[in-house]
Amino acid sequence: MKKILLLTSLFILAAFAGWACPMCERQQPAFLRGISHGTGPESNWDYLIIWSMVIVVAFTLYFSVKMLIKPGEKTGSHIKRIILNLEDGTEK
């Protein structure tokens, strides 16, 4: 019970740490106001960089989840099969 209470309070404190302070809120653009610290994007190039990184992360997340759920390798010579066969001490 003590661990659950400690973890819950840690998560709540972490959520509050992400909110922007009043000084940072005034420096942010309208759609980012209240959710991040700092000055915010200073030019249109910053938005281009941010959105390109969002696209890269989204593609990476999609393909990593796809490969975890349904990897698709079917051959017996795949490296996964070699590692799994050596794990039990036998070489085939």
PDB file of N, CA and C in Angstrom:
ATOM      1  N   MET A   1       0.829  -1.196   0.000  1.00  0.00           N
ATOM      2  CA  MET A   1       0.000   0.000   0.000  1.00  0.00           C
ATOM      3  C   MET A   1       0.866   1.250   0.000  1.00  0.00           C
ATOM      4  N   LYS A   2       1.978   1.184   0.729  1.00  0.00           N
ATOM      5  CA  LYS A   2       2.866   2.330   0.817  1.00  0.00           C
ATOM      6  C   LYS A   2       3.522   2.627  -0.534  1.00  0.00           C
ATOM      7  N   LYS A   3       3.864   1.549  -1.261  1.00  0.00           N
ATOM      8  CA  LYS A   3       4.469   1.727  -2.578  1.00  0.00           C
ATOM      9  C   LYS A   3       3.493   2.356  -3.563  1.00  0.00           C
ATOM     10  N   ILE A   4       2.249   1.936  -3.502  1.00  0.00           N
ATOM     11  CA  ILE A   4       1.230   2.478  -4.404  1.00  0.00           C
ATOM     12  C   ILE A   4       1.019   3.959  -4.137  1.00  0.00           C
ATOM     13  N   LEU A   5       0.966   4.329  -2.881  1.00  0.00           N
ATOM     14  CA  LEU A   5       0.794   5.733  -2.510  1.00  0.00           C
ATOM     15  C   LEU A   5       1.988   6.562  -2.971  1.00  0.00           C
ATOM     16  N   LEU A   6       3.187   6.028  -2.794  1.00  0.00           N
ATOM     17  CA  LEU A   6       4.393   6.733  -3.210  1.00  0.00           C
ATOM     18  C   LEU A   6       4.426   6.905  -4.728  1.00  0.00           C
ATOM     19  N   LEU A   7       4.103   5.859  -5.473  1.00  0.00           N
ATOM     20  CA  LEU A   7       4.092   5.954  -6.933  1.00  0.00           C
ATOM     21  C   LEU A   7       3.018   6.914  -7.433  1.00  0.00           C
ATOM     22  N   THR A   8       1.861   6.886  -6.809  1.00  0.00           N
ATOM     23  CA  THR A   8       0.791   7.800  -7.203  1.00  0.00           C
ATOM     24  C   THR A   8       1.201   9.251  -6.972  1.00  0.00           C
ATOM     25  N   SER A   9       1.777   9.530  -5.846  1.00  0.00           N
ATOM     26  CA  SER A   9       2.216  10.900  -5.567  1.00  0.00           C
ATOM     27  C   SER A   9       3.347  11.315  -6.503  1.00  0.00           C
ATOM     28  N   LEU A  10       4.218  10.385  -6.886  1.00  0.00           N
ATOM     29  CA  LEU A  10       5.293  10.688  -7.822  1.00  0.00           C
ATOM     30  C   LEU A  10       4.727  11.040  -9.196  1.00  0.00           C
ATOM     31  N   PHE A  11       3.735  10.295  -9.655  1.00  0.00           N
ATOM     32  CA  PHE A  11       3.116  10.586 -10.951  1.00  0.00           C
ATOM     33  C   PHE A  11       2.378  11.920 -10.933  1.00  0.00           C
ATOM     34  N   ILE A  12       1.743  12.233  -9.842  1.00  0.00           N
ATOM     35  CA  ILE A  12       1.036  13.515  -9.743  1.00  0.00           C
ATOM     36  C   ILE A  12       2.025  14.670  -9.763  1.00  0.00           C
ATOM     37  N   LEU A  13       3.127  14.535  -9.046  1.00  0.00           N
ATOM     38  CA  LEU A  13       4.149  15.582  -9.050  1.00  0.00           C
ATOM     39  C   LEU A  13       4.788  15.731 -10.425  1.00  0.00           C
ATOM     40  N   ALA A  14       4.989  14.626 -11.129  1.00  0.00           N
ATOM     41  CA  ALA A  14       5.557  14.685 -12.475  1.00  0.00           C
ATOM     42  C   ALA A  14       4.605  15.409 -13.433  1.00  0.00           C
ATOM     43  N   ALA A  15       3.311  15.216 -13.243  1.00  0.00           N
ATOM     44  CA  ALA A  15       2.335  15.909 -14.098  1.00  0.00           C
ATOM     45  C   ALA A  15       2.368  17.409 -13.847  1.00  0.00           C
ATOM     46  N   PHE A  16       2.508  17.811 -12.607  1.00  0.00           N
ATOM     47  CA  PHE A  16       2.573  19.239 -12.298  1.00  0.00           C
ATOM     48  C   PHE A  16       3.858  19.868 -12.810  1.00  0.00           C
ATOM     49  N   ALA A  17       4.933  19.116 -12.877  1.00  0.00           N
ATOM     50  CA  ALA A  17       6.206  19.656 -13.347  1.00  0.00           C
ATOM     51  C   ALA A  17       6.141  20.032 -14.822  1.00  0.00           C
ATOM     52  N   GLY A  18       5.258  19.406 -15.571  1.00  0.00           N
ATOM     53  CA  GLY A  18       5.137  19.702 -16.995  1.00  0.00           C
ATOM     54  C   GLY A  18       4.346  20.956 -17.305  1.00  0.00           C
ATOM     55  N   TRP A  19       3.591  21.465 -16.373  1.00  0.00           N
ATOM     56  CA  TRP A  19       2.801  22.665 -16.616  1.00  0.00           C
ATOM     57  C   TRP A  19       3.700  23.891 -16.612  1.00  0.00           C
ATOM     58  N   ALA A  20       3.358  24.836 -17.427  1.00  0.00           N
ATOM     59  CA  ALA A  20       4.180  26.041 -17.538  1.00  0.00           C
ATOM     60  C   ALA A  20       3.884  27.020 -16.404  1.00  0.00           C
ATOM     61  N   CYS A  21       4.920  27.731 -16.012  1.00  0.00           N
ATOM     62  CA  CYS A  21       4.744  28.776 -15.001  1.00  0.00           C
ATOM     63  C   CYS A  21       4.172  30.026 -15.682  1.00  0.00           C
ATOM     64  N   PRO A  22       3.658  30.987 -14.916  1.00  0.00           N
ATOM     65  CA  PRO A  22       3.039  32.178 -15.518  1.00  0.00           C
ATOM     66  C   PRO A  22       3.993  32.975 -16.420  1.00  0.00           C
ATOM     67  N   MET A  23       5.265  33.027 -16.082  1.00  0.00           N
ATOM     68  CA  MET A  23       6.229  33.763 -16.898  1.00  0.00           C
ATOM     69  C   MET A  23       6.411  33.089 -18.259  1.00  0.00           C
ATOM     70  N   CYS A  24       6.465  31.754 -18.258  1.00  0.00           N
ATOM     71  CA  CYS A  24       6.634  31.024 -19.516  1.00  0.00           C
ATOM     72  C   CYS A  24       5.361  31.053 -20.351  1.00  0.00           C
ATOM     73  N   GLU A  25       4.209  31.123 -19.709  1.00  0.00           N
ATOM     74  CA  GLU A  25       2.941  31.164 -20.443  1.00  0.00           C
ATOM     75  C   GLU A  25       2.860  32.397 -21.328  1.00  0.00           C
ATOM     76  N   ARG A  26       3.367  33.507 -20.856  1.00  0.00           N
ATOM     77  CA  ARG A  26       3.315  34.745 -21.644  1.00  0.00           C
ATOM     78  C   ARG A  26       4.235  34.691 -22.856  1.00  0.00           C
ATOM     79  N   GLN A  27       5.274  33.856 -22.812  1.00  0.00           N
ATOM     80  CA  GLN A  27       6.236  33.785 -23.910  1.00  0.00           C
ATOM     81  C   GLN A  27       5.855  32.760 -24.979  1.00  0.00           C
ATOM     82  N   GLN A  28       4.860  31.961 -24.715  1.00  0.00           N
ATOM     83  CA  GLN A  28       4.469  30.904 -25.645  1.00  0.00           C
ATOM     84  C   GLN A  28       3.447  31.416 -26.659  1.00  0.00           C
ATOM     85  N   PRO A  29       3.418  30.799 -27.850  1.00  0.00           N
ATOM     86  CA  PRO A  29       2.326  31.106 -28.789  1.00  0.00           C
ATOM     87  C   PRO A  29       0.996  30.612 -28.226  1.00  0.00           C
ATOM     88  N   ALA A  30      -0.097  31.043 -28.805  1.00  0.00           N
ATOM     89  CA  ALA A  30      -1.423  30.779 -28.251  1.00  0.00           C
ATOM     90  C   ALA A  30      -1.728  29.288 -28.109  1.00  0.00           C
ATOM     91  N   PHE A  31      -1.386  28.469 -29.091  1.00  0.00           N
ATOM     92  CA  PHE A  31      -1.761  27.056 -29.008  1.00  0.00           C
ATOM     93  C   PHE A  31      -0.834  26.237 -28.122  1.00  0.00           C
ATOM     94  N   LEU A  32       0.318  26.772 -27.705  1.00  0.00           N
ATOM     95  CA  LEU A  32       1.207  26.068 -26.772  1.00  0.00           C
ATOM     96  C   LEU A  32       1.134  26.635 -25.360  1.00  0.00           C
ATOM     97  N   ARG A  33       0.324  27.630 -25.183  1.00  0.00           N
ATOM     98  CA  ARG A  33       0.271  28.322 -23.899  1.00  0.00           C
ATOM     99  C   ARG A  33      -0.198  27.393 -22.784  1.00  0.00           C
ATOM    100  N   GLY A  34       0.584  27.308 -21.715  1.00  0.00           N
ATOM    101  CA  GLY A  34       0.197  26.542 -20.541  1.00  0.00           C
ATOM    102  C   GLY A  34       0.662  25.097 -20.521  1.00  0.00           C
ATOM    103  N   ILE A  35       1.289  24.616 -21.589  1.00  0.00           N
ATOM    104  CA  ILE A  35       1.694  23.210 -21.573  1.00  0.00           C
ATOM    105  C   ILE A  35       3.200  22.998 -21.649  1.00  0.00           C
ATOM    106  N   SER A  36       3.973  24.056 -21.869  1.00  0.00           N
ATOM    107  CA  SER A  36       5.423  23.855 -21.936  1.00  0.00           C
ATOM    108  C   SER A  36       6.161  25.067 -21.376  1.00  0.00           C
ATOM    109  N   HIS A  37       7.386  24.804 -20.947  1.00  0.00           N
ATOM    110  CA  HIS A  37       8.245  25.862 -20.418  1.00  0.00           C
ATOM    111  C   HIS A  37       9.108  26.433 -21.532  1.00  0.00           C
ATOM    112  N   GLY A  38       9.680  27.592 -21.301  1.00  0.00           N
ATOM    113  CA  GLY A  38      10.621  28.179 -22.244  1.00  0.00           C
ATOM    114  C   GLY A  38       9.983  29.213 -23.137  1.00  0.00           C
ATOM    115  N   THR A  39      10.762  29.623 -24.126  1.00  0.00           N
ATOM    116  CA  THR A  39      10.306  30.691 -25.007  1.00  0.00           C
ATOM    117  C   THR A  39       9.425  30.189 -26.130  1.00  0.00           C
ATOM    118  N   GLY A  40       9.519  28.933 -26.484  1.00  0.00           N
ATOM    119  CA  GLY A  40       8.723  28.398 -27.579  1.00  0.00           C
ATOM    120  C   GLY A  40       9.423  28.579 -28.904  1.00  0.00           C
ATOM    121  N   PRO A  41       8.793  28.143 -29.967  1.00  0.00           N
ATOM    122  CA  PRO A  41       9.392  28.275 -31.297  1.00  0.00           C
ATOM    123  C   PRO A  41       9.588  29.744 -31.661  1.00  0.00           C
ATOM    124  N   GLU A  42      10.761  30.057 -32.211  1.00  0.00           N
ATOM    125  CA  GLU A  42      11.064  31.452 -32.527  1.00  0.00           C
ATOM    126  C   GLU A  42      10.852  31.798 -33.987  1.00  0.00           C
ATOM    127  N   SER A  43      10.811  30.790 -34.870  1.00  0.00           N
ATOM    128  CA  SER A  43      10.580  31.068 -36.287  1.00  0.00           C
ATOM    129  C   SER A  43       9.818  29.907 -36.911  1.00  0.00           C
ATOM    130  N   ASN A  44       9.477  30.059 -38.179  1.00  0.00           N
ATOM    131  CA  ASN A  44       8.770  28.992 -38.878  1.00  0.00           C
ATOM    132  C   ASN A  44       9.645  27.763 -39.069  1.00  0.00           C
ATOM    133  N   TRP A  45      10.961  27.938 -39.097  1.00  0.00           N
ATOM    134  CA  TRP A  45      11.872  26.793 -39.210  1.00  0.00           C
ATOM    135  C   TRP A  45      11.747  25.882 -38.003  1.00  0.00           C
ATOM    136  N   ASP A  46      11.511  26.453 -36.843  1.00  0.00           N
ATOM    137  CA  ASP A  46      11.336  25.638 -35.644  1.00  0.00           C
ATOM    138  C   ASP A  46      10.107  24.739 -35.766  1.00  0.00           C
ATOM    139  N   TYR A  47       9.031  25.274 -36.326  1.00  0.00           N
ATOM    140  CA  TYR A  47       7.824  24.457 -36.532  1.00  0.00           C
ATOM    141  C   TYR A  47       8.083  23.341 -37.532  1.00  0.00           C
ATOM    142  N   LEU A  48       8.853  23.646 -38.583  1.00  0.00           N
ATOM    143  CA  LEU A  48       9.195  22.629 -39.576  1.00  0.00           C
ATOM    144  C   LEU A  48      10.006  21.510 -38.936  1.00  0.00           C
ATOM    145  N   ILE A  49      10.966  21.860 -38.113  1.00  0.00           N
ATOM    146  CA  ILE A  49      11.790  20.853 -37.427  1.00  0.00           C
ATOM    147  C   ILE A  49      10.934  20.015 -36.486  1.00  0.00           C
ATOM    148  N   ILE A  50      10.072  20.653 -35.726  1.00  0.00           N
ATOM    149  CA  ILE A  50       9.214  19.940 -34.768  1.00  0.00           C
ATOM    150  C   ILE A  50       8.293  18.967 -35.486  1.00  0.00           C
ATOM    151  N   TRP A  51       7.642  19.409 -36.551  1.00  0.00           N
ATOM    152  CA  TRP A  51       6.705  18.524 -37.257  1.00  0.00           C
ATOM    153  C   TRP A  51       7.415  17.413 -38.004  1.00  0.00           C
ATOM    154  N   SER A  52       8.614  17.676 -38.514  1.00  0.00           N
ATOM    155  CA  SER A  52       9.354  16.579 -39.155  1.00  0.00           C
ATOM    156  C   SER A  52       9.767  15.530 -38.126  1.00  0.00           C
ATOM    157  N   MET A  53      10.123  15.947 -36.927  1.00  0.00           N
ATOM    158  CA  MET A  53      10.465  14.979 -35.885  1.00  0.00           C
ATOM    159  C   MET A  53       9.228  14.220 -35.408  1.00  0.00           C
ATOM    160  N   VAL A  54       8.077  14.875 -35.386  1.00  0.00           N
ATOM    161  CA  VAL A  54       6.836  14.180 -35.030  1.00  0.00           C
ATOM    162  C   VAL A  54       6.535  13.098 -36.050  1.00  0.00           C
ATOM    163  N   ILE A  55       6.756  13.389 -37.324  1.00  0.00           N
ATOM    164  CA  ILE A  55       6.525  12.405 -38.380  1.00  0.00           C
ATOM    165  C   ILE A  55       7.493  11.234 -38.253  1.00  0.00           C
ATOM    166  N   VAL A  56       8.769  11.515 -37.984  1.00  0.00           N
ATOM    167  CA  VAL A  56       9.764  10.450 -37.824  1.00  0.00           C
ATOM    168  C   VAL A  56       9.405   9.557 -36.636  1.00  0.00           C
ATOM    169  N   VAL A  57       9.017  10.159 -35.526  1.00  0.00           N
ATOM    170  CA  VAL A  57       8.651   9.383 -34.340  1.00  0.00           C
ATOM    171  C   VAL A  57       7.395   8.555 -34.601  1.00  0.00           C
ATOM    172  N   ALA A  58       6.430   9.115 -35.311  1.00  0.00           N
ATOM    173  CA  ALA A  58       5.200   8.372 -35.611  1.00  0.00           C
ATOM    174  C   ALA A  58       5.495   7.162 -36.503  1.00  0.00           C
ATOM    175  N   PHE A  59       6.322   7.340 -37.535  1.00  0.00           N
ATOM    176  CA  PHE A  59       6.698   6.210 -38.385  1.00  0.00           C
ATOM    177  C   PHE A  59       7.449   5.151 -37.597  1.00  0.00           C
ATOM    178  N   THR A  60       8.378   5.583 -36.755  1.00  0.00           N
ATOM    179  CA  THR A  60       9.146   4.647 -35.949  1.00  0.00           C
ATOM    180  C   THR A  60       8.248   3.863 -35.005  1.00  0.00           C
ATOM    181  N   LEU A  61       7.328   4.541 -34.354  1.00  0.00           N
ATOM    182  CA  LEU A  61       6.397   3.876 -33.457  1.00  0.00           C
ATOM    183  C   LEU A  61       5.524   2.884 -34.213  1.00  0.00           C
ATOM    184  N   TYR A  62       5.010   3.289 -35.372  1.00  0.00           N
ATOM    185  CA  TYR A  62       4.156   2.406 -36.161  1.00  0.00           C
ATOM    186  C   TYR A  62       4.894   1.128 -36.558  1.00  0.00           C
ATOM    187  N   PHE A  63       6.094   1.269 -37.123  1.00  0.00           N
ATOM    188  CA  PHE A  63       6.809   0.094 -37.597  1.00  0.00           C
ATOM    189  C   PHE A  63       7.324  -0.779 -36.454  1.00  0.00           C
ATOM    190  N   SER A  64       7.694  -0.188 -35.332  1.00  0.00           N
ATOM    191  CA  SER A  64       8.152  -1.011 -34.206  1.00  0.00           C
ATOM    192  C   SER A  64       6.995  -1.819 -33.622  1.00  0.00           C
ATOM    193  N   VAL A  65       5.818  -1.216 -33.500  1.00  0.00           N
ATOM    194  CA  VAL A  65       4.654  -1.962 -33.006  1.00  0.00           C
ATOM    195  C   VAL A  65       4.245  -3.025 -34.011  1.00  0.00           C
ATOM    196  N   LYS A  66       4.293  -2.687 -35.288  1.00  0.00           N
ATOM    197  CA  LYS A  66       3.937  -3.649 -36.335  1.00  0.00           C
ATOM    198  C   LYS A  66       4.874  -4.865 -36.294  1.00  0.00           C
ATOM    199  N   MET A  67       6.167  -4.635 -36.141  1.00  0.00           N
ATOM    200  CA  MET A  67       7.124  -5.744 -36.115  1.00  0.00           C
ATOM    201  C   MET A  67       7.032  -6.544 -34.814  1.00  0.00           C
ATOM    202  N   LEU A  68       6.622  -5.922 -33.746  1.00  0.00           N
ATOM    203  CA  LEU A  68       6.445  -6.662 -32.494  1.00  0.00           C
ATOM    204  C   LEU A  68       5.211  -7.557 -32.548  1.00  0.00           C
ATOM    205  N   ILE A  69       4.142  -7.050 -33.158  1.00  0.00           N
ATOM    206  CA  ILE A  69       2.900  -7.811 -33.204  1.00  0.00           C
ATOM    207  C   ILE A  69       2.979  -8.940 -34.233  1.00  0.00           C
ATOM    208  N   LYS A  70       3.463  -8.634 -35.424  1.00  0.00           N
ATOM    209  CA  LYS A  70       3.504  -9.631 -36.495  1.00  0.00           C
ATOM    210  C   LYS A  70       4.836  -9.491 -37.234  1.00  0.00           C
ATOM    211  N   PRO A  71       5.890 -10.170 -36.750  1.00  0.00           N
ATOM    212  CA  PRO A  71       7.214  -9.980 -37.325  1.00  0.00           C
ATOM    213  C   PRO A  71       7.335 -10.418 -38.782  1.00  0.00           C
ATOM    214  N   GLY A  72       6.780 -11.557 -39.159  1.00  0.00           N
ATOM    215  CA  GLY A  72       6.739 -11.948 -40.555  1.00  0.00           C
ATOM    216  C   GLY A  72       7.873 -12.823 -41.046  1.00  0.00           C
ATOM    217  N   GLU A  73       8.896 -13.108 -40.257  1.00  0.00           N
ATOM    218  CA  GLU A  73       9.953 -13.982 -40.752  1.00  0.00           C
ATOM    219  C   GLU A  73       9.510 -15.437 -40.634  1.00  0.00           C
ATOM    220  N   LYS A  74       9.695 -16.173 -41.705  1.00  0.00           N
ATOM    221  CA  LYS A  74       9.209 -17.549 -41.728  1.00  0.00           C
ATOM    222  C   LYS A  74      10.314 -18.553 -42.035  1.00  0.00           C
ATOM    223  N   THR A  75      11.461 -18.097 -42.473  1.00  0.00           N
ATOM    224  CA  THR A  75      12.532 -19.018 -42.852  1.00  0.00           C
ATOM    225  C   THR A  75      13.225 -19.585 -41.626  1.00  0.00           C
ATOM    226  N   GLY A  76      13.736 -20.793 -41.783  1.00  0.00           N
ATOM    227  CA  GLY A  76      14.453 -21.430 -40.681  1.00  0.00           C
ATOM    228  C   GLY A  76      15.852 -20.894 -40.491  1.00  0.00           C
ATOM    229  N   SER A  77      16.371 -20.174 -41.475  1.00  0.00           N
ATOM    230  CA  SER A  77      17.726 -19.637 -41.366  1.00  0.00           C
ATOM    231  C   SER A  77      17.751 -18.210 -40.835  1.00  0.00           C
ATOM    232  N   HIS A  78      16.618 -17.715 -40.418  1.00  0.00           N
ATOM    233  CA  HIS A  78      16.573 -16.361 -39.865  1.00  0.00           C
ATOM    234  C   HIS A  78      17.369 -16.302 -38.568  1.00  0.00           C
ATOM    235  N   ILE A  79      17.967 -15.168 -38.280  1.00  0.00           N
ATOM    236  CA  ILE A  79      18.825 -15.030 -37.107  1.00  0.00           C
ATOM    237  C   ILE A  79      18.082 -15.314 -35.804  1.00  0.00           C
ATOM    238  N   LYS A  80      16.802 -15.024 -35.784  1.00  0.00           N
ATOM    239  CA  LYS A  80      16.019 -15.313 -34.580  1.00  0.00           C
ATOM    240  C   LYS A  80      15.988 -16.805 -34.312  1.00  0.00           C
ATOM    241  N   ARG A  81      15.836 -17.596 -35.360  1.00  0.00           N
ATOM    242  CA  ARG A  81      15.818 -19.057 -35.203  1.00  0.00           C
ATOM    243  C   ARG A  81      17.172 -19.569 -34.736  1.00  0.00           C
ATOM    244  N   ILE A  82      18.248 -19.001 -35.248  1.00  0.00           N
ATOM    245  CA  ILE A  82      19.595 -19.425 -34.838  1.00  0.00           C
ATOM    246  C   ILE A  82      19.806 -19.153 -33.355  1.00  0.00           C
ATOM    247  N   ILE A  83      19.410 -17.969 -32.905  1.00  0.00           N
ATOM    248  CA  ILE A  83      19.589 -17.610 -31.494  1.00  0.00           C
ATOM    249  C   ILE A  83      18.715 -18.488 -30.608  1.00  0.00           C
ATOM    250  N   LEU A  84      17.479 -18.729 -30.997  1.00  0.00           N
ATOM    251  CA  LEU A  84      16.591 -19.557 -30.181  1.00  0.00           C
ATOM    252  C   LEU A  84      17.068 -21.002 -30.125  1.00  0.00           C
ATOM    253  N   ASN A  85      17.657 -21.524 -31.189  1.00  0.00           N
ATOM    254  CA  ASN A  85      18.174 -22.890 -31.177  1.00  0.00           C
ATOM    255  C   ASN A  85      19.416 -23.015 -30.309  1.00  0.00           C
ATOM    256  N   LEU A  86      20.265 -22.010 -30.267  1.00  0.00           N
ATOM    257  CA  LEU A  86      21.467 -22.068 -29.441  1.00  0.00           C
ATOM    258  C   LEU A  86      21.144 -21.852 -27.957  1.00  0.00           C
ATOM    259  N   GLU A  87      20.019 -21.274 -27.683  1.00  0.00           N
ATOM    260  CA  GLU A  87      19.629 -20.979 -26.306  1.00  0.00           C
ATOM    261  C   GLU A  87      19.447 -22.251 -25.488  1.00  0.00           C
ATOM    262  N   ASP A  88      18.920 -23.299 -26.090  1.00  0.00           N
ATOM    263  CA  ASP A  88      18.690 -24.509 -25.319  1.00  0.00           C
ATOM    264  C   ASP A  88      19.907 -25.438 -25.301  1.00  0.00           C
ATOM    265  N   GLY A  89      21.036 -25.003 -25.870  1.00  0.00           N
ATOM    266  CA  GLY A  89      22.269 -25.768 -25.792  1.00  0.00           C
ATOM    267  C   GLY A  89      22.499 -26.711 -26.949  1.00  0.00           C
ATOM    268  N   THR A  90      21.610 -26.761 -27.885  1.00  0.00           N
ATOM    269  CA  THR A  90      21.783 -27.647 -29.036  1.00  0.00           C
ATOM    270  C   THR A  90      22.028 -26.827 -30.281  1.00  0.00           C
ATOM    271  N   GLU A  91      22.887 -27.363 -31.134  1.00  0.00           N
ATOM    272  CA  GLU A  91      23.126 -26.731 -32.415  1.00  0.00           C
ATOM    273  C   GLU A  91      22.488 -27.567 -33.493  1.00  0.00           C
ATOM    274  N   LYS A  92      21.748 -26.917 -34.353  1.00  0.00           N
ATOM    275  CA  LYS A  92      21.085 -27.653 -35.425  1.00  0.00           C
ATOM    276  C   LYS A  92      21.536 -27.140 -36.755  1.00  0.00           C
TER     277      LYS A  92
END
